[in-house]
Amino acid sequence: MSVGGSEDDDDAAPMSEINVTPLVDVMLVLLIIFMVAAPMMTAGVPVELPRTAAPRAASPSPPVVLSVTREGAIHIGEERIEEAVLAQRLMALKTENPEIVVHVRGDRAVPYGEVLRIMGRVTAAGIPRVSLISDVERGGAAH
């Protein structure tokens, strides 16, 4: 790289290399600062927790997702199921896993009463833990 001047004048030529040593020094100092400060940010109120010999609670199994489509079809996971055999199928799932949780996804075009009727079938099958699934409203403002 040359910026004017004669070719004989080598002392006036600009340096075309970047010295990265100061950049590395600054980055290492920032890394050390964040390593020291990060543990202080995780603890809110200092609390001394009691100790126990009990094992950690096992994470619950994933929930069973029951979907009601716009056409009124019922699906357990990806499998379509008739409403007449829904209760028997849910009872079979409950015998496999007594702590079963069912999440109901109802299409917005399906009347609310129909979704509640399906939820009633779930609770009639002996599964008390039933939840409705919804999407987060975009824009943040309620209409």
Protein backbone atom coordinates (compact mmCIF):
# COMPACT_ATOMS: atom_id res chain seq x y z
CA MET A 1 0.00 0.00 0.00
CA SER A 2 1.48 3.35 -1.00
CA VAL A 3 0.29 6.87 -0.28
CA GLY A 4 2.19 9.26 -2.52
CA GLY A 5 5.82 10.22 -2.07
CA SER A 6 8.81 8.80 -3.85
CA GLU A 7 9.81 5.17 -3.87
CA ASP A 8 13.16 6.04 -2.32
CA ASP A 9 11.51 7.39 0.83
CA ASP A 10 10.78 4.09 2.74
CA ASP A 11 10.44 5.80 6.13
CA ALA A 12 7.33 7.76 5.05
CA ALA A 13 5.37 4.69 3.84
CA PRO A 14 2.36 3.91 6.06
CA MET A 15 2.36 0.67 8.01
CA SER A 16 -0.05 -1.86 6.47
CA GLU A 17 -0.16 -4.34 9.37
CA ILE A 18 -2.69 -4.33 12.20
CA ASN A 19 -1.34 -4.78 15.69
CA VAL A 20 -3.81 -7.12 17.45
CA THR A 21 -1.95 -7.31 20.77
CA PRO A 22 -3.90 -4.43 22.40
CA LEU A 23 -7.17 -5.96 21.18
CA VAL A 24 -6.29 -9.34 22.71
CA ASP A 25 -5.29 -7.66 25.98
CA VAL A 26 -8.59 -5.81 26.23
CA MET A 27 -10.59 -8.95 25.40
CA LEU A 28 -8.77 -10.98 28.08
CA VAL A 29 -9.42 -8.29 30.71
CA LEU A 30 -13.13 -8.25 29.77
CA LEU A 31 -13.26 -12.05 29.93
CA ILE A 32 -11.80 -12.05 33.43
CA ILE A 33 -14.23 -9.33 34.55
CA PHE A 34 -17.23 -11.31 33.28
CA MET A 35 -15.94 -14.56 34.80
CA VAL A 36 -15.69 -12.89 38.20
CA ALA A 37 -19.00 -11.00 37.93
CA ALA A 38 -21.18 -13.81 36.51
CA PRO A 39 -21.50 -15.85 39.74
CA MET A 40 -22.52 -12.72 41.63
CA MET A 41 -25.36 -12.05 39.20
CA THR A 42 -26.95 -15.50 39.55
CA ALA A 43 -27.60 -15.36 43.29
CA GLY A 44 -30.41 -13.02 44.30
CA VAL A 45 -31.10 -13.23 48.02
CA PRO A 46 -28.59 -15.30 49.97
CA VAL A 47 -30.41 -18.28 51.45
CA GLU A 48 -28.93 -21.32 53.11
CA LEU A 49 -30.97 -24.23 51.82
CA PRO A 50 -31.65 -27.28 54.00
CA ARG A 51 -30.10 -30.58 53.07
CA THR A 52 -32.07 -33.78 52.49
CA ALA A 53 -31.32 -37.40 51.77
CA ALA A 54 -34.34 -37.72 49.48
CA PRO A 55 -33.52 -38.28 45.81
CA ARG A 56 -34.38 -35.63 43.27
CA ALA A 57 -37.86 -35.81 41.86
CA ALA A 58 -37.91 -37.48 38.49
CA SER A 59 -38.94 -35.25 35.65
CA PRO A 60 -42.48 -36.07 34.57
CA SER A 61 -43.06 -37.78 31.29
CA PRO A 62 -43.97 -35.57 28.35
CA PRO A 63 -47.66 -34.71 28.18
CA VAL A 64 -50.11 -36.38 25.82
CA VAL A 65 -51.23 -33.81 23.24
CA LEU A 66 -54.87 -34.14 22.21
CA SER A 67 -55.78 -31.99 19.18
CA VAL A 68 -59.23 -31.01 17.91
CA THR A 69 -59.03 -29.91 14.27
CA ARG A 70 -61.20 -27.39 12.44
CA GLU A 71 -63.23 -30.28 11.01
CA GLY A 72 -63.83 -31.69 14.51
CA ALA A 73 -61.42 -34.63 14.15
CA ILE A 74 -59.64 -35.73 17.32
CA HIS A 75 -55.96 -36.69 17.33
CA ILE A 76 -53.79 -38.12 20.09
CA GLY A 77 -50.35 -37.03 19.02
CA GLU A 78 -50.36 -37.64 15.27
CA GLU A 79 -52.87 -40.52 15.38
CA ARG A 80 -56.49 -39.80 14.49
CA ILE A 81 -58.95 -41.35 16.90
CA GLU A 82 -62.74 -41.55 16.97
CA GLU A 83 -64.53 -39.88 19.88
CA ALA A 84 -66.32 -43.13 20.74
CA VAL A 85 -63.03 -44.86 21.65
CA LEU A 86 -61.33 -41.78 23.14
CA ALA A 87 -62.16 -42.66 26.74
CA GLN A 88 -60.91 -46.26 26.41
CA ARG A 89 -57.67 -45.07 24.79
CA LEU A 90 -57.09 -42.48 27.52
CA MET A 91 -57.78 -45.06 30.24
CA ALA A 92 -55.19 -47.35 28.64
CA LEU A 93 -52.67 -44.50 28.63
CA LYS A 94 -53.48 -43.81 32.28
CA THR A 95 -52.80 -47.42 33.26
CA GLU A 96 -49.40 -47.15 31.57
CA ASN A 97 -48.64 -43.86 33.34
CA PRO A 98 -50.78 -42.92 36.37
CA GLU A 99 -49.29 -39.38 36.43
CA ILE A 100 -50.37 -38.64 32.86
CA VAL A 101 -50.94 -35.04 31.80
CA VAL A 102 -53.09 -34.17 28.77
CA HIS A 103 -52.73 -30.93 26.81
CA VAL A 104 -55.72 -30.08 24.61
CA ARG A 105 -55.12 -28.04 21.45
CA GLY A 106 -58.38 -26.82 19.93
CA ASP A 107 -58.55 -24.99 16.61
CA ARG A 108 -59.94 -21.47 17.01
CA ALA A 109 -62.73 -22.28 14.52
CA VAL A 110 -64.03 -25.09 16.77
CA PRO A 111 -66.75 -23.85 19.16
CA TYR A 112 -65.59 -23.49 22.75
CA GLY A 113 -68.32 -25.87 23.92
CA GLU A 114 -66.97 -28.66 21.71
CA VAL A 115 -63.48 -28.29 23.16
CA LEU A 116 -64.93 -28.34 26.68
CA ARG A 117 -66.92 -31.46 25.83
CA ILE A 118 -63.68 -33.20 24.74
CA MET A 119 -61.99 -32.02 27.94
CA GLY A 120 -64.91 -33.53 29.87
CA ARG A 121 -64.26 -36.86 28.17
CA VAL A 122 -60.63 -36.65 29.30
CA THR A 123 -61.57 -36.03 32.93
CA ALA A 124 -64.26 -38.74 32.72
CA ALA A 125 -61.46 -41.15 31.74
CA GLY A 126 -59.89 -40.46 35.14
CA ILE A 127 -57.24 -37.93 34.10
CA PRO A 128 -57.54 -34.87 36.33
CA ARG A 129 -54.56 -32.97 34.90
CA VAL A 130 -55.88 -31.39 31.69
CA SER A 131 -54.62 -28.12 30.21
CA LEU A 132 -55.55 -25.96 27.24
CA ILE A 133 -52.79 -24.93 24.83
CA SER A 134 -52.82 -21.54 23.10
CA ASP A 135 -50.49 -19.41 21.00
CA VAL A 136 -48.99 -16.16 22.21
CA GLU A 137 -50.79 -13.16 20.78
CA ARG A 138 -48.57 -11.16 18.46
CA GLY A 139 -48.25 -7.43 19.05
CA GLY A 140 -48.64 -7.69 22.83
CA ALA A 141 -51.84 -5.64 23.04
CA ALA A 142 -55.12 -7.28 23.93
CA HIS A 143 -57.99 -6.78 21.49
